[in-house]
């Protein structure tokens, strides 16, 4: 089956009409092309929506990574501060240990001195007692 179309040019008022022969198969092909075009346009719209969603996800992921990076930097600073605090505490512990050792040495020397003085005093008292006892 053939379809005859007549096309008349608006530019010329005369009847210079052109007849175009179109078969049913050609019309079906044209209809199929229009349907495919509509489907493609719908797909394009959906793809654009998907692209926007993916861009939003990408932006959120970048923000999250930035926050994680900042959190890591903060954690590193905290570790550095704690390391410095531990170093200070170790130095203070060593100083306190030295002071305690000196205090113990001073106490031992004082104790030895006190014991020596005690024995010396007892010896002198014993000699005085003997001397007094020998006089009487």
N, C-alpha and C. Protein backbone atom coordinates (compact mmCIF):
# COMPACT_ATOMS: atom_id res chain seq x y z
N UNK A 1 0.85 -1.16 0.00
CA UNK A 1 0.00 0.00 0.00
C UNK A 1 0.90 1.23 0.00
N UNK A 2 0.59 2.15 -0.80
CA UNK A 2 1.36 3.37 -0.92
C UNK A 2 0.50 4.55 -0.54
N UNK A 3 1.14 5.50 0.03
CA UNK A 3 0.44 6.71 0.45
C UNK A 3 1.04 7.85 -0.35
N UNK A 4 0.20 8.65 -0.86
CA UNK A 4 0.67 9.79 -1.66
C UNK A 4 0.43 11.06 -0.87
N UNK A 5 1.49 11.83 -0.68
CA UNK A 5 1.38 13.12 -0.02
C UNK A 5 1.65 14.21 -1.03
N UNK A 6 0.97 15.28 -0.85
CA UNK A 6 1.18 16.41 -1.73
C UNK A 6 1.77 17.53 -0.91
N UNK A 7 2.84 18.09 -1.40
CA UNK A 7 3.49 19.19 -0.71
C UNK A 7 3.49 20.40 -1.63
N UNK A 8 2.89 21.43 -1.14
CA UNK A 8 2.85 22.65 -1.94
C UNK A 8 3.69 23.69 -1.25
N UNK A 9 4.51 24.34 -2.00
CA UNK A 9 5.37 25.36 -1.45
C UNK A 9 4.56 26.62 -1.17
N UNK A 10 4.75 27.18 0.02
CA UNK A 10 4.03 28.41 0.37
C UNK A 10 4.64 29.60 -0.32
N UNK A 11 5.85 29.47 -0.74
CA UNK A 11 6.53 30.60 -1.38
C UNK A 11 5.93 30.92 -2.74
N UNK A 12 5.50 29.92 -3.43
CA UNK A 12 4.91 30.21 -4.75
C UNK A 12 3.42 29.95 -4.69
N UNK A 13 2.66 30.91 -5.07
CA UNK A 13 1.21 30.74 -5.03
C UNK A 13 0.71 29.79 -6.09
N UNK A 14 1.55 29.47 -7.04
CA UNK A 14 1.11 28.57 -8.09
C UNK A 14 1.10 27.15 -7.57
N UNK A 15 0.55 26.31 -8.23
CA UNK A 15 0.38 24.94 -7.81
C UNK A 15 1.57 24.10 -8.26
N UNK A 16 2.71 24.35 -7.67
CA UNK A 16 3.90 23.53 -7.93
C UNK A 16 3.97 22.45 -6.86
N UNK A 17 3.05 21.60 -6.81
CA UNK A 17 2.96 20.58 -5.78
C UNK A 17 3.88 19.42 -6.13
N UNK A 18 4.46 18.86 -5.07
CA UNK A 18 5.33 17.70 -5.23
C UNK A 18 4.66 16.53 -4.55
N UNK A 19 4.58 15.45 -5.22
CA UNK A 19 3.98 14.27 -4.64
C UNK A 19 5.09 13.35 -4.14
N UNK A 20 4.90 12.90 -2.90
CA UNK A 20 5.89 12.01 -2.28
C UNK A 20 5.20 10.67 -2.03
N UNK A 21 5.89 9.63 -2.39
CA UNK A 21 5.36 8.30 -2.22
C UNK A 21 5.95 7.69 -0.96
N UNK A 22 5.10 7.29 0.02
CA UNK A 22 5.58 6.69 1.27
C UNK A 22 4.84 5.37 1.46
N UNK A 23 5.60 4.34 1.73
CA UNK A 23 4.99 3.04 1.94
C UNK A 23 4.62 2.88 3.41
N UNK A 24 3.79 1.91 3.70
CA UNK A 24 3.39 1.62 5.09
C UNK A 24 4.61 1.22 5.90
N UNK A 25 5.49 0.48 5.29
CA UNK A 25 6.71 0.05 5.98
C UNK A 25 7.55 1.26 6.38
N UNK A 26 7.63 2.25 5.49
CA UNK A 26 8.37 3.47 5.82
C UNK A 26 7.70 4.19 6.99
N UNK A 27 6.36 4.24 6.99
CA UNK A 27 5.63 4.89 8.09
C UNK A 27 5.85 4.16 9.41
N UNK A 28 5.87 2.84 9.32
CA UNK A 28 6.13 2.06 10.53
C UNK A 28 7.55 2.33 11.04
N UNK A 29 8.48 2.45 10.13
CA UNK A 29 9.87 2.75 10.51
C UNK A 29 9.96 4.14 11.15
N UNK A 30 9.26 5.10 10.58
CA UNK A 30 9.25 6.46 11.14
C UNK A 30 8.62 6.45 12.52
N UNK A 31 7.50 5.72 12.66
CA UNK A 31 6.84 5.61 13.97
C UNK A 31 7.78 4.98 15.00
N UNK A 32 8.47 3.93 14.56
CA UNK A 32 9.44 3.26 15.44
C UNK A 32 10.54 4.24 15.87
N UNK A 33 11.02 5.05 14.94
CA UNK A 33 12.06 6.04 15.25
C UNK A 33 11.56 7.06 16.27
N UNK A 34 10.31 7.53 16.11
CA UNK A 34 9.75 8.48 17.07
C UNK A 34 9.62 7.85 18.47
N UNK A 35 9.19 6.60 18.53
CA UNK A 35 9.06 5.90 19.81
C UNK A 35 10.44 5.73 20.46
N UNK A 36 11.42 5.34 19.66
CA UNK A 36 12.78 5.20 20.17
C UNK A 36 13.32 6.54 20.68
N UNK A 37 12.97 7.62 19.94
CA UNK A 37 13.39 8.96 20.36
C UNK A 37 12.79 9.31 21.71
N UNK A 38 11.49 9.01 21.90
CA UNK A 38 10.85 9.28 23.19
C UNK A 38 11.50 8.47 24.30
N UNK A 39 11.77 7.21 24.02
CA UNK A 39 12.43 6.35 25.02
C UNK A 39 13.81 6.91 25.35
N UNK A 40 14.55 7.32 24.35
CA UNK A 40 15.90 7.87 24.56
C UNK A 40 15.83 9.16 25.38
N UNK A 41 14.84 10.00 25.10
CA UNK A 41 14.68 11.24 25.88
C UNK A 41 14.39 10.93 27.34
N UNK A 42 13.54 9.92 27.60
CA UNK A 42 13.25 9.51 28.98
C UNK A 42 14.51 8.98 29.65
N UNK A 43 15.28 8.18 28.92
CA UNK A 43 16.54 7.65 29.46
C UNK A 43 17.52 8.76 29.78
N UNK A 44 17.57 9.76 28.90
CA UNK A 44 18.47 10.89 29.13
C UNK A 44 18.08 11.63 30.41
N UNK A 45 16.77 11.84 30.59
CA UNK A 45 16.30 12.52 31.80
C UNK A 45 16.67 11.70 33.03
N UNK A 46 16.45 10.38 32.98
CA UNK A 46 16.80 9.52 34.12
C UNK A 46 18.30 9.51 34.36
N UNK A 47 19.07 9.49 33.30
CA UNK A 47 20.53 9.52 33.45
C UNK A 47 20.99 10.83 34.07
N UNK A 48 20.36 11.93 33.67
CA UNK A 48 20.72 13.22 34.27
C UNK A 48 20.40 13.23 35.76
N UNK A 49 19.24 12.64 36.14
CA UNK A 49 18.91 12.54 37.56
C UNK A 49 19.93 11.68 38.30
N UNK A 50 20.30 10.57 37.67
CA UNK A 50 21.30 9.68 38.28
C UNK A 50 22.64 10.39 38.42
N UNK A 51 23.02 11.15 37.41
CA UNK A 51 24.28 11.90 37.46
C UNK A 51 24.24 12.91 38.61
N UNK A 52 23.11 13.61 38.78
CA UNK A 52 22.98 14.58 39.87
C UNK A 52 23.11 13.88 41.22
N UNK A 53 22.45 12.71 41.37
CA UNK A 53 22.54 11.96 42.62
C UNK A 53 23.97 11.52 42.89
N UNK A 54 24.64 11.04 41.85
CA UNK A 54 26.04 10.61 42.00
C UNK A 54 26.95 11.79 42.35
N UNK A 55 26.69 12.95 41.76
CA UNK A 55 27.48 14.14 42.10
C UNK A 55 27.26 14.53 43.55
N UNK A 56 26.01 14.42 44.03
CA UNK A 56 25.72 14.72 45.44
C UNK A 56 26.45 13.74 46.35
N UNK A 57 26.41 12.46 45.98
CA UNK A 57 27.12 11.44 46.76
C UNK A 57 28.62 11.73 46.76
N UNK A 58 29.15 12.11 45.61
CA UNK A 58 30.57 12.44 45.51
C UNK A 58 30.93 13.62 46.40
N UNK A 59 30.09 14.67 46.39
CA UNK A 59 30.34 15.84 47.24
C UNK A 59 30.28 15.46 48.71
N UNK A 60 29.30 14.65 49.09
CA UNK A 60 29.20 14.21 50.48
C UNK A 60 30.40 13.37 50.88
N UNK A 61 30.86 12.52 49.97
CA UNK A 61 32.03 11.69 50.24
C UNK A 61 33.27 12.57 50.40
N UNK A 62 33.41 13.59 49.56
CA UNK A 62 34.54 14.50 49.69
C UNK A 62 34.51 15.22 51.03
N UNK A 63 33.32 15.68 51.43
CA UNK A 63 33.19 16.36 52.72
C UNK A 63 33.55 15.41 53.86
N UNK A 64 33.07 14.16 53.77
CA UNK A 64 33.37 13.19 54.81
C UNK A 64 34.87 12.90 54.87
N UNK A 65 35.50 12.78 53.71
CA UNK A 65 36.94 12.54 53.68
C UNK A 65 37.71 13.73 54.26
N UNK A 66 37.25 14.94 53.94
CA UNK A 66 37.89 16.13 54.51
C UNK A 66 37.77 16.12 56.03
N UNK A 67 36.57 15.79 56.52
CA UNK A 67 36.37 15.73 57.97
C UNK A 67 37.23 14.64 58.60
N UNK A 68 37.32 13.49 57.95
CA UNK A 68 38.16 12.41 58.47
C UNK A 68 39.63 12.82 58.48
N UNK A 69 40.05 13.54 57.45
CA UNK A 69 41.44 14.01 57.39
C UNK A 69 41.71 14.99 58.53
N UNK A 70 40.76 15.90 58.76
CA UNK A 70 40.91 16.85 59.87
C UNK A 70 40.92 16.12 61.20
N UNK A 71 40.06 15.11 61.33
CA UNK A 71 40.02 14.32 62.56
C UNK A 71 41.35 13.61 62.78
N UNK A 72 41.93 13.06 61.70
CA UNK A 72 43.24 12.41 61.81
C UNK A 72 44.32 13.39 62.24
N UNK A 73 44.29 14.61 61.70
CA UNK A 73 45.27 15.63 62.10
C UNK A 73 45.11 15.97 63.57
N UNK A 74 43.86 16.11 64.01
CA UNK A 74 43.61 16.41 65.42
C UNK A 74 44.11 15.27 66.30
N UNK A 75 43.85 14.03 65.88
CA UNK A 75 44.32 12.87 66.65
C UNK A 75 45.84 12.83 66.71
N UNK A 76 46.50 13.17 65.60
CA UNK A 76 47.96 13.22 65.60
C UNK A 76 48.47 14.27 66.58
N UNK A 77 47.81 15.45 66.58
CA UNK A 77 48.21 16.51 67.52
C UNK A 77 48.01 16.05 68.96
N UNK A 78 46.90 15.36 69.22
CA UNK A 78 46.64 14.84 70.57
C UNK A 78 47.73 13.85 70.98
N UNK A 79 48.10 12.98 70.04
CA UNK A 79 49.17 12.01 70.33
C UNK A 79 50.48 12.73 70.61
N UNK A 80 50.79 13.76 69.82
CA UNK A 80 52.02 14.53 70.05
C UNK A 80 52.01 15.16 71.44
N UNK A 81 50.87 15.75 71.83
CA UNK A 81 50.77 16.38 73.14
C UNK A 81 50.93 15.34 74.24
N UNK A 82 50.30 14.18 74.08
CA UNK A 82 50.42 13.13 75.09
C UNK A 82 51.85 12.61 75.16
N UNK A 83 52.52 12.49 74.01
CA UNK A 83 53.93 12.07 74.02
C UNK A 83 54.79 13.08 74.78
N UNK A 84 54.52 14.38 74.56
CA UNK A 84 55.27 15.41 75.29
C UNK A 84 54.96 15.33 76.77
N UNK A 85 53.70 15.11 77.11
CA UNK A 85 53.31 14.99 78.51
C UNK A 85 54.01 13.80 79.17
N UNK A 86 54.09 12.68 78.45
CA UNK A 86 54.78 11.50 78.98
C UNK A 86 56.26 11.79 79.17
N UNK A 87 56.86 12.50 78.22
CA UNK A 87 58.28 12.86 78.34
C UNK A 87 58.51 13.73 79.57
N UNK A 88 57.62 14.71 79.79
CA UNK A 88 57.74 15.59 80.96
C UNK A 88 57.58 14.77 82.23
N UNK A 89 56.60 13.89 82.27
CA UNK A 89 56.38 13.06 83.46
C UNK A 89 57.58 12.15 83.72
N UNK A 90 58.19 11.63 82.66
CA UNK A 90 59.38 10.79 82.83
C UNK A 90 60.54 11.60 83.40
N UNK A 91 60.72 12.84 82.89
CA UNK A 91 61.78 13.70 83.43
C UNK A 91 61.51 14.01 84.90
N UNK A 92 60.27 14.34 85.22
CA UNK A 92 59.91 14.63 86.61
C UNK A 92 60.10 13.41 87.49
N UNK A 93 59.77 12.24 86.97
CA UNK A 93 59.96 11.01 87.74
C UNK A 93 61.44 10.80 88.03
N UNK A 94 62.28 11.02 87.01
CA UNK A 94 63.72 10.87 87.22
C UNK A 94 64.23 11.87 88.26
N UNK A 95 63.74 13.11 88.19
CA UNK A 95 64.15 14.12 89.19
C UNK A 95 63.70 13.71 90.58
N UNK A 96 62.45 13.25 90.69
CA UNK A 96 61.95 12.83 92.00
C UNK A 96 62.74 11.63 92.52
N UNK A 97 63.11 10.75 91.62
CA UNK A 97 63.91 9.58 91.99
C UNK A 97 65.27 10.02 92.52
N UNK A 98 65.91 10.98 91.82
CA UNK A 98 67.19 11.51 92.28
C UNK A 98 67.05 12.18 93.65
N UNK A 99 65.99 12.96 93.82
CA UNK A 99 65.76 13.64 95.11
C UNK A 99 65.55 12.60 96.21
N UNK A 100 64.77 11.57 95.91
CA UNK A 100 64.52 10.52 96.91
C UNK A 100 65.82 9.79 97.25
N UNK A 101 66.64 9.50 96.23
CA UNK A 101 67.94 8.84 96.48
C UNK A 101 68.82 9.71 97.37
N UNK A 102 68.86 11.03 97.05
CA UNK A 102 69.65 11.94 97.89
C UNK A 102 69.11 11.98 99.32
N UNK A 103 67.80 12.00 99.47
CA UNK A 103 67.20 12.03 100.80
C UNK A 103 67.54 10.77 101.58
N UNK A 104 67.52 9.64 100.89
CA UNK A 104 67.87 8.38 101.56
C UNK A 104 69.33 8.39 101.99
N UNK A 105 70.23 8.87 101.11
CA UNK A 105 71.65 8.95 101.45
C UNK A 105 71.87 9.87 102.64
N UNK A 106 71.19 11.02 102.62
CA UNK A 106 71.32 11.97 103.74
C UNK A 106 70.82 11.32 105.02
N UNK A 107 69.72 10.61 104.95
CA UNK A 107 69.17 9.94 106.14
C UNK A 107 70.13 8.87 106.64
N UNK A 108 70.74 8.11 105.71
CA UNK A 108 71.70 7.08 106.13
C UNK A 108 72.92 7.71 106.79
N UNK A 109 73.42 8.78 106.18
CA UNK A 109 74.59 9.46 106.77
C UNK A 109 74.21 10.02 108.14
N UNK A 110 73.04 10.64 108.24
CA UNK A 110 72.59 11.20 109.52
C UNK A 110 72.43 10.09 110.54
N UNK A 111 71.91 8.99 110.12
CA UNK A 111 71.69 7.87 111.03
C UNK A 111 73.02 7.33 111.52
N UNK A 112 73.98 7.16 110.59
CA UNK A 112 75.30 6.67 111.00
C UNK A 112 75.95 7.66 111.96
N UNK A 113 75.80 8.94 111.66
CA UNK A 113 76.36 9.97 112.52
C UNK A 113 75.70 9.93 113.89
N UNK A 114 74.39 9.78 113.92
CA UNK A 114 73.67 9.72 115.18
C UNK A 114 74.06 8.49 115.99
N UNK A 115 74.22 7.36 115.32
CA UNK A 115 74.64 6.15 116.02
C UNK A 115 76.03 6.33 116.60
N UNK A 116 76.93 6.93 115.78
CA UNK A 116 78.29 7.17 116.25
C UNK A 116 78.29 8.10 117.46
N UNK A 117 77.48 9.16 117.35
CA UNK A 117 77.40 10.10 118.48
C UNK A 117 76.81 9.43 119.71
N UNK A 118 75.84 8.55 119.51
CA UNK A 118 75.23 7.85 120.63
C UNK A 118 76.25 6.95 121.31
N UNK A 119 76.97 6.16 120.51
CA UNK A 119 77.99 5.28 121.11
C UNK A 119 79.10 6.08 121.78
N UNK A 120 79.47 7.18 121.16
CA UNK A 120 80.52 8.03 121.76
C UNK A 120 80.02 8.59 123.09
N UNK A 121 78.80 9.05 123.12
CA UNK A 121 78.23 9.59 124.36
C UNK A 121 78.14 8.53 125.42
N UNK A 122 77.72 7.33 125.02
CA UNK A 122 77.64 6.22 125.99
C UNK A 122 79.02 5.86 126.53
N UNK A 123 79.99 5.91 125.64
CA UNK A 123 81.37 5.60 126.07
C UNK A 123 81.88 6.60 127.07
N UNK A 124 81.62 7.87 126.78
CA UNK A 124 82.07 8.93 127.70
C UNK A 124 81.36 8.79 129.03
N UNK A 125 80.05 8.52 129.01
CA UNK A 125 79.30 8.33 130.26
C UNK A 125 79.83 7.14 131.03
N UNK A 126 80.19 6.09 130.32
CA UNK A 126 80.73 4.91 131.00
C UNK A 126 82.06 5.26 131.66
N UNK A 127 82.89 6.01 130.96
CA UNK A 127 84.19 6.41 131.55
C UNK A 127 83.99 7.30 132.77
N UNK A 128 83.04 8.23 132.68
CA UNK A 128 82.77 9.12 133.81
C UNK A 128 82.25 8.30 134.99
N UNK A 129 81.37 7.34 134.70
CA UNK A 129 80.81 6.50 135.76
C UNK A 129 81.93 5.69 136.42
N UNK A 130 82.81 5.16 135.60
CA UNK A 130 83.92 4.40 136.16
C UNK A 130 84.82 5.29 136.97
N UNK A 131 85.06 6.50 136.49
CA UNK A 131 85.93 7.42 137.21
C UNK A 131 85.30 7.81 138.53
N UNK A 132 84.02 8.05 138.58
CA UNK A 132 83.34 8.43 139.81
C UNK A 132 83.32 7.25 140.76
N UNK A 133 83.07 6.06 140.20
CA UNK A 133 83.00 4.87 141.04
C UNK A 133 84.38 4.59 141.64
N UNK A 134 85.42 4.85 140.92
CA UNK A 134 86.77 4.56 141.44
C UNK A 134 87.17 5.57 142.50
N UNK A 135 86.58 6.75 142.50
CA UNK A 135 86.91 7.75 143.50
C UNK A 135 86.22 7.35 144.82
N UNK A 136 85.12 6.82 144.80
CA UNK A 136 84.38 6.48 146.00
C UNK A 136 84.74 5.10 146.36
